[in-house]
Amino acid sequence: MHNLADATGTIKVTERKDDRLWGGRFERAPNAGFDAFQGSFAFDRRLLPHELAVDRAWAKALQGVGILNAEEVRQTLAALDRIAVRAQKDKAWLDTSDAEDVHHFVEKALVEQLGALGWKLHTGRSRNELVATDFRLFVKEAAAQIKMAVAELAAAFVTLAKSNLHLPMAGMTHMQHAQPILLSHFLLAHAEAFLRDIPRLGSATSSADACPMGSGALAGCSFPIDRDAIAREPQNPVHLAAQIALARLMLARDDIAAARAIVDAMLQTKPVDDDVVAVRGQLSLKEQNPGAAVQDFLSIAAHQPANAAVYTLLAEAYLQNPFQAPITGIVTPEKTERCWQI
């Protein structure tokens, strides 16, 4: 495949002899046994959501260097979205695919929809950097999901401990009875142990949080790709959801400093999600700053007027500072009081 510019400056793509991503100079097909051995789609298909995310970012980057025009980017992004939807709904499509790997699968699907335009997306990049980026995104999402599960588990331990505050039990050591303790302390000890896993998962996330795209097969890309723009592309919301769940757990444990650190980190991502704003408002209430909390809750209510939970939080803010001047328009103290009572 070669990219050639026509008289209008549009980059055209010459046809390939087949749909393989490698072996363009080979005259014969590879040995069938070897081909089956080196294929990886059976297990790297789990990287498909991340592959599509990287492809979207790369399409926009290619527009920035003149490889794709605006219409080609629009068509490519729409095709990638259709691939994502079909992959979720049609498991047999994945099960019966003869693709070599997840990169080959996406390219074949793009070419089926877009013709030669589907090949242009691979311009200036290598599967080396693709798999490195996909795997880093996979690690970040997996760590986020585990953090959410750990936070929920620790919260369950805390809830169970609160319902058994004065229940004694025998503490054990070396498989025999030792000192008398409380069941609540025993449960919280397990909660603390699991919570210590969260910073470890955070370290894994931080280690994976780098963008290899633009590094090419070995030593860079010949096009002036904006690598920073690629790295800033919106990523999977699972990581944000995990951070929100963790911040709420820290609030439940009255660990204000930890909650503040998590919230401040989330606020660095733009645009700021409403759930992050809500957590910041709840944190402000813990910090005895109802004025700041009201402003956060009102900003959510302004474009989510049917969100009853926001009015409940507003009621809590008003109750913490009943002398605050009434706010008219979106919500009134009377309205929030009724929601709070419900």
Protein backbone atom coordinates (compact mmCIF):
# COMPACT_ATOMS: atom_id res chain seq x y z
CA MET A 1 0.00 0.00 0.00
CA HIS A 2 1.28 3.50 -0.86
CA ASN A 3 -0.10 6.95 -0.12
CA LEU A 4 -0.03 9.31 -3.12
CA ALA A 5 -1.33 12.89 -3.32
CA ASP A 6 -3.52 13.85 -6.29
CA ALA A 7 -3.68 17.27 -7.95
CA THR A 8 -6.00 18.56 -5.22
CA GLY A 9 -3.64 17.48 -2.45
CA THR A 10 -5.91 14.65 -1.31
CA ILE A 11 -3.93 11.58 -0.24
CA LYS A 12 -4.95 8.55 -2.31
CA VAL A 13 -4.26 4.93 -1.41
CA THR A 14 -3.16 2.28 -3.90
CA GLU A 15 -4.67 -1.19 -3.63
CA ARG A 16 -3.07 -4.04 -1.69
CA LYS A 17 -2.67 -7.54 -3.04
CA ASP A 18 -4.50 -8.92 0.02
CA ASP A 19 -5.77 -7.81 3.42
CA ARG A 20 -2.78 -8.97 5.48
CA LEU A 21 -0.88 -6.43 7.58
CA TRP A 22 2.52 -7.90 6.68
CA GLY A 23 4.22 -10.03 4.02
CA GLY A 24 3.65 -7.65 1.12
CA ARG A 25 6.82 -8.90 -0.64
CA PHE A 26 6.01 -12.60 -0.20
CA GLU A 27 4.75 -14.47 -3.25
CA ARG A 28 3.19 -17.38 -1.33
CA ALA A 29 0.83 -17.58 1.62
CA PRO A 30 2.43 -18.56 4.94
CA ASN A 31 2.38 -22.14 6.20
CA ALA A 32 -1.11 -22.88 7.55
CA GLY A 33 0.19 -24.37 10.80
CA PHE A 34 2.48 -21.43 11.45
CA ASP A 35 -0.28 -18.99 10.56
CA ALA A 36 -2.61 -20.59 13.11
CA PHE A 37 0.17 -20.66 15.73
CA GLN A 38 1.09 -16.99 15.43
CA GLY A 39 -2.50 -15.67 15.38
CA SER A 40 -3.57 -14.01 18.62
CA PHE A 41 -7.13 -12.76 18.02
CA ALA A 42 -8.60 -15.54 20.19
CA PHE A 43 -7.27 -13.81 23.29
CA ASP A 44 -6.27 -10.26 22.32
CA ARG A 45 -9.85 -9.56 21.15
CA ARG A 46 -10.41 -8.34 24.71
CA LEU A 47 -8.33 -5.31 23.71
CA LEU A 48 -10.89 -4.31 21.06
CA PRO A 49 -12.44 -1.35 22.98
CA HIS A 50 -8.96 0.07 23.55
CA GLU A 51 -7.90 -0.56 19.96
CA LEU A 52 -10.92 1.41 18.78
CA ALA A 53 -10.12 4.24 21.20
CA VAL A 54 -6.56 4.44 19.89
CA ASP A 55 -7.83 4.32 16.30
CA ARG A 56 -10.13 7.28 16.94
CA ALA A 57 -7.27 9.31 18.35
CA TRP A 58 -4.97 8.32 15.48
CA ALA A 59 -7.54 9.31 12.85
CA LYS A 60 -7.68 12.81 14.33
CA ALA A 61 -3.88 12.94 14.49
CA LEU A 62 -3.63 12.02 10.79
CA GLN A 63 -5.94 14.91 9.95
CA GLY A 64 -3.53 17.21 11.74
CA VAL A 65 -0.71 16.24 9.36
CA GLY A 66 -2.82 16.21 6.19
CA ILE A 67 -3.10 12.45 5.64
CA LEU A 68 -6.86 12.41 6.24
CA ASN A 69 -9.24 15.25 5.45
CA ALA A 70 -12.21 16.22 7.61
CA GLU A 71 -14.71 14.09 5.64
CA GLU A 72 -12.43 11.05 5.77
CA VAL A 73 -12.05 11.46 9.53
CA ARG A 74 -15.83 11.70 9.89
CA GLN A 75 -16.34 8.52 7.87
CA THR A 76 -13.59 6.69 9.74
CA LEU A 77 -14.90 7.63 13.19
CA ALA A 78 -18.44 6.64 12.21
CA ALA A 79 -17.18 3.27 10.95
CA LEU A 80 -15.23 2.68 14.16
CA ASP A 81 -18.39 3.41 16.16
CA ARG A 82 -20.32 0.90 14.07
CA ILE A 83 -17.64 -1.72 14.70
CA ALA A 84 -17.92 -1.10 18.44
CA VAL A 85 -21.71 -1.48 18.40
CA ARG A 86 -21.67 -4.65 16.29
CA ALA A 87 -18.93 -6.23 18.40
CA GLN A 88 -21.09 -5.77 21.50
CA LYS A 89 -24.22 -7.19 19.89
CA ASP A 90 -22.83 -9.89 17.59
CA LYS A 91 -20.51 -12.25 19.47
CA ALA A 92 -20.51 -14.68 16.53
CA TRP A 93 -18.85 -11.99 14.40
CA LEU A 94 -15.83 -12.16 16.69
CA ASP A 95 -15.96 -15.93 17.21
CA THR A 96 -15.87 -16.73 13.49
CA SER A 97 -13.37 -14.10 12.40
CA ASP A 98 -10.19 -15.27 10.65
CA ALA A 99 -8.33 -12.12 11.73
CA GLU A 100 -4.73 -12.54 12.78
CA ASP A 101 -5.06 -10.20 15.75
CA VAL A 102 -7.22 -7.37 17.05
CA HIS A 103 -5.47 -4.82 14.79
CA HIS A 104 -6.12 -6.97 11.72
CA PHE A 105 -9.76 -7.45 12.79
CA VAL A 106 -10.42 -3.71 12.96
CA GLU A 107 -8.64 -2.96 9.69
CA LYS A 108 -10.59 -5.67 7.84
CA ALA A 109 -13.86 -4.33 9.23
CA LEU A 110 -12.92 -0.78 8.21
CA VAL A 111 -12.03 -1.84 4.67
CA GLU A 112 -15.32 -3.73 4.37
CA GLN A 113 -17.14 -0.49 5.18
CA LEU A 114 -14.89 2.15 3.63
CA GLY A 115 -12.88 0.43 0.94
CA ALA A 116 -9.32 1.71 0.49
CA LEU A 117 -9.95 4.51 2.97
CA GLY A 118 -9.90 1.90 5.72
CA TRP A 119 -6.24 1.19 4.95
CA LYS A 120 -5.22 4.84 5.37
CA LEU A 121 -5.68 4.67 9.14
CA HIS A 122 -2.54 2.54 9.46
CA THR A 123 -0.41 5.26 7.85
CA GLY A 124 2.60 6.24 9.95
CA ARG A 125 2.13 3.70 12.71
CA SER A 126 3.20 0.19 13.70
CA ARG A 127 1.52 -2.68 15.47
CA ASN A 128 4.38 -2.44 17.97
CA GLU A 129 3.15 0.88 19.35
CA LEU A 130 -0.48 -0.14 18.91
CA VAL A 131 -0.27 -3.20 21.13
CA ALA A 132 1.80 -1.30 23.70
CA THR A 133 -0.84 1.44 23.89
CA ASP A 134 -3.78 -0.98 23.90
CA PHE A 135 -2.25 -2.96 26.74
CA ARG A 136 -1.55 0.14 28.81
CA LEU A 137 -5.19 1.20 28.44
CA PHE A 138 -6.26 -2.33 29.37
CA VAL A 139 -4.15 -2.22 32.55
CA LYS A 140 -5.60 1.17 33.51
CA GLU A 141 -9.17 -0.06 33.05
CA ALA A 142 -8.55 -3.35 34.87
CA ALA A 143 -6.94 -1.53 37.79
CA ALA A 144 -9.89 0.86 37.91
CA GLN A 145 -12.39 -1.99 37.95
CA ILE A 146 -10.51 -3.77 40.73
CA LYS A 147 -10.31 -0.54 42.74
CA MET A 148 -14.08 -0.16 42.43
CA ALA A 149 -14.59 -3.74 43.63
CA VAL A 150 -12.16 -3.27 46.53
CA ALA A 151 -13.87 -0.03 47.54
CA GLU A 152 -17.27 -1.74 47.52
CA LEU A 153 -15.91 -4.66 49.53
CA ALA A 154 -14.32 -2.36 52.10
CA ALA A 155 -17.56 -0.39 52.35
CA ALA A 156 -19.42 -3.63 53.05
CA PHE A 157 -16.97 -4.44 55.84
CA VAL A 158 -17.50 -0.96 57.32
CA THR A 159 -21.30 -1.34 57.16
CA LEU A 160 -21.12 -4.75 58.84
CA ALA A 161 -18.75 -3.41 61.49
CA LYS A 162 -21.12 -0.53 62.31
CA SER A 163 -23.94 -3.02 62.92
CA ASN A 164 -21.78 -5.07 65.31
CA LEU A 165 -20.00 -2.41 67.35
CA HIS A 166 -20.15 -4.15 70.75
CA LEU A 167 -20.10 -7.83 69.84
CA PRO A 168 -17.11 -9.61 71.43
CA MET A 169 -15.23 -12.49 69.87
CA ALA A 170 -12.09 -14.49 70.44
CA GLY A 171 -9.04 -13.22 68.63
CA MET A 172 -6.94 -15.95 67.05
CA THR A 173 -3.21 -16.37 66.60
CA HIS A 174 -1.20 -19.46 65.66
CA MET A 175 -4.53 -21.27 65.11
CA GLN A 176 -5.61 -20.89 68.74
CA HIS A 177 -7.56 -18.46 70.89
CA ALA A 178 -5.59 -15.42 71.99
CA GLN A 179 -7.00 -12.08 73.18
CA PRO A 180 -10.64 -11.02 73.32
CA ILE A 181 -11.52 -8.50 70.63
CA LEU A 182 -14.61 -6.99 69.03
CA LEU A 183 -16.11 -8.34 65.83
CA SER A 184 -16.20 -4.79 64.48
CA HIS A 185 -12.42 -4.48 64.95
CA PHE A 186 -11.90 -7.82 63.26
CA LEU A 187 -13.98 -6.72 60.25
CA LEU A 188 -12.27 -3.34 60.00
CA ALA A 189 -8.87 -5.02 60.06
CA HIS A 190 -9.84 -6.85 56.89
CA ALA A 191 -11.17 -3.60 55.39
CA GLU A 192 -7.85 -1.88 56.09
CA ALA A 193 -5.94 -4.75 54.50
CA PHE A 194 -7.97 -4.51 51.32
CA LEU A 195 -7.68 -0.71 51.25
CA ARG A 196 -3.90 -1.05 51.23
CA ASP A 197 -4.29 -2.70 47.83
CA ILE A 198 -5.73 0.50 46.37
CA PRO A 199 -2.45 2.47 46.36
CA ARG A 200 -0.77 -0.55 44.78
CA LEU A 201 -3.36 -0.53 42.03
CA GLY A 202 -2.82 3.21 41.74
CA SER A 203 0.88 2.58 41.19
CA ALA A 204 0.05 0.15 38.40
CA THR A 205 -2.21 2.79 36.84
CA SER A 206 0.47 5.48 37.07
CA SER A 207 3.05 3.16 35.56
CA ALA A 208 0.74 2.36 32.64
CA ASP A 209 -0.25 5.99 32.10
CA ALA A 210 2.03 6.76 29.15
CA CYS A 211 1.21 6.96 25.44
CA PRO A 212 3.54 5.05 23.07
CA MET A 213 1.64 6.19 19.95
CA GLY A 214 3.94 8.08 17.62
CA SER A 215 7.00 6.03 18.49
CA GLY A 216 6.61 3.89 15.37
CA ALA A 217 8.01 0.41 14.90
CA LEU A 218 11.25 1.37 16.61
CA ALA A 219 12.49 4.94 16.57
CA GLY A 220 9.69 7.35 15.78
CA CYS A 221 7.27 8.45 13.08
CA SER A 222 8.25 10.40 9.98
CA PHE A 223 5.10 12.52 10.19
CA PRO A 224 4.92 15.40 12.71
CA ILE A 225 2.20 13.68 14.75
CA ASP A 226 0.95 15.59 17.80
CA ARG A 227 1.62 12.92 20.42
CA ASP A 228 0.42 15.14 23.27
CA ALA A 229 -2.98 15.51 21.57
CA ILE A 230 -3.25 11.73 21.25
CA ALA A 231 -2.45 11.30 24.95
CA ARG A 232 -5.15 13.82 25.88
CA GLU A 233 -7.91 11.95 24.04
CA PRO A 234 -10.83 11.01 26.36
CA GLN A 235 -10.36 7.53 27.77
CA ASN A 236 -12.55 4.84 29.25
CA PRO A 237 -14.87 6.23 31.97
CA VAL A 238 -14.28 3.18 34.19
CA HIS A 239 -11.18 4.80 35.70
CA LEU A 240 -13.15 7.94 36.65
CA ALA A 241 -15.95 5.84 38.15
CA ALA A 242 -13.42 3.97 40.28
CA GLN A 243 -11.93 7.22 41.57
CA ILE A 244 -15.39 8.56 42.41
CA ALA A 245 -16.26 5.36 44.30
CA LEU A 246 -12.97 5.55 46.20
CA ALA A 247 -13.52 9.22 47.10
CA ARG A 248 -16.97 8.39 48.45
CA LEU A 249 -15.52 5.56 50.51
CA MET A 250 -12.93 7.91 51.98
CA LEU A 251 -15.74 10.33 52.86
CA ALA A 252 -17.66 7.52 54.55
CA ARG A 253 -14.55 6.75 56.62
CA ASP A 254 -14.13 10.49 57.41
CA ASP A 255 -10.71 10.41 55.78
CA ILE A 256 -10.98 14.00 54.55
CA ALA A 257 -7.36 14.34 53.44
CA ALA A 258 -7.51 11.23 51.25
CA ALA A 259 -10.85 12.27 49.75
CA ARG A 260 -9.51 15.76 49.01
CA ALA A 261 -6.44 14.33 47.24
CA ILE A 262 -8.62 12.10 45.03
CA VAL A 263 -11.08 14.90 44.22
CA ASP A 264 -8.30 17.37 43.38
CA ALA A 265 -6.76 14.84 41.00
CA MET A 266 -10.11 14.22 39.27
CA LEU A 267 -10.65 17.96 38.84
CA GLN A 268 -7.57 18.10 36.60
CA THR A 269 -9.47 16.25 33.85
CA LYS A 270 -11.55 18.55 31.66
CA PRO A 271 -14.46 18.79 31.28
CA VAL A 272 -15.25 18.02 34.90
CA ASP A 273 -17.88 15.30 35.31
CA ASP A 274 -21.03 16.13 37.32
CA ASP A 275 -20.39 13.19 39.65
CA VAL A 276 -16.99 14.68 40.49
CA VAL A 277 -18.64 18.01 41.25
CA ALA A 278 -21.15 16.23 43.50
CA VAL A 279 -18.37 14.50 45.42
CA ARG A 280 -16.58 17.82 45.80
CA GLY A 281 -19.78 19.28 47.23
CA GLN A 282 -20.09 16.40 49.70
CA LEU A 283 -16.46 16.94 50.66
CA SER A 284 -17.20 20.62 51.27
CA LEU A 285 -19.97 19.59 53.67
CA LYS A 286 -17.50 17.38 55.56
CA GLU A 287 -15.14 20.35 55.70
CA GLN A 288 -17.94 22.50 57.16
CA ASN A 289 -18.13 24.68 54.05
CA PRO A 290 -21.83 24.58 53.07
CA GLY A 291 -21.53 27.67 50.86
CA ALA A 292 -19.14 25.92 48.47
CA ALA A 293 -21.29 22.80 48.60
CA VAL A 294 -24.41 24.71 47.59
CA GLN A 295 -22.62 26.22 44.59
CA ASP A 296 -21.53 22.78 43.41
CA PHE A 297 -24.97 21.26 43.82
CA LEU A 298 -26.63 24.22 42.08
CA SER A 299 -24.28 23.89 39.11
CA ILE A 300 -25.49 20.30 38.66
CA ALA A 301 -29.15 21.19 39.20
CA ALA A 302 -28.88 23.89 36.51
CA HIS A 303 -28.63 21.27 33.76
CA GLN A 304 -30.05 18.26 35.62
CA PRO A 305 -33.27 19.72 37.06
CA ALA A 306 -34.84 16.25 37.42
CA ASN A 307 -31.96 14.91 39.53
CA ALA A 308 -33.66 14.44 42.92
CA ALA A 309 -30.39 13.40 44.56
CA VAL A 310 -28.98 16.88 43.97
CA TYR A 311 -31.90 18.49 45.83
CA THR A 312 -31.33 16.07 48.71
CA LEU A 313 -27.71 17.18 48.90
CA LEU A 314 -28.82 20.82 48.72
CA ALA A 315 -31.16 20.21 51.64
CA GLU A 316 -28.25 18.82 53.64
CA ALA A 317 -26.21 21.93 52.83
CA TYR A 318 -29.06 24.22 53.93
CA LEU A 319 -29.50 22.28 57.16
CA GLN A 320 -25.80 22.67 57.92
CA ASN A 321 -26.11 26.45 57.49
CA PRO A 322 -29.76 27.52 57.96
CA PHE A 323 -28.78 31.22 57.95
CA GLN A 324 -27.59 31.13 54.36
CA ALA A 325 -29.51 33.49 52.11
CA PRO A 326 -32.29 31.77 50.14
CA ILE A 327 -31.44 30.95 46.54
CA THR A 328 -34.23 31.62 44.07
CA GLY A 329 -34.81 30.31 40.58
CA ILE A 330 -33.68 26.72 40.30
CA VAL A 331 -34.37 25.63 43.84
CA THR A 332 -35.65 26.99 47.15
CA PRO A 333 -34.91 25.92 50.72
CA GLU A 334 -38.51 24.75 51.04
CA LYS A 335 -38.17 22.50 48.00
CA THR A 336 -34.94 20.96 49.23
CA GLU A 337 -36.43 20.47 52.68
CA ARG A 338 -39.28 18.46 51.22
CA CYS A 339 -36.85 16.35 49.18
CA TRP A 340 -34.74 15.76 52.26
CA GLN A 341 -37.76 14.59 54.23
CA ILE A 342 -38.68 12.14 51.44
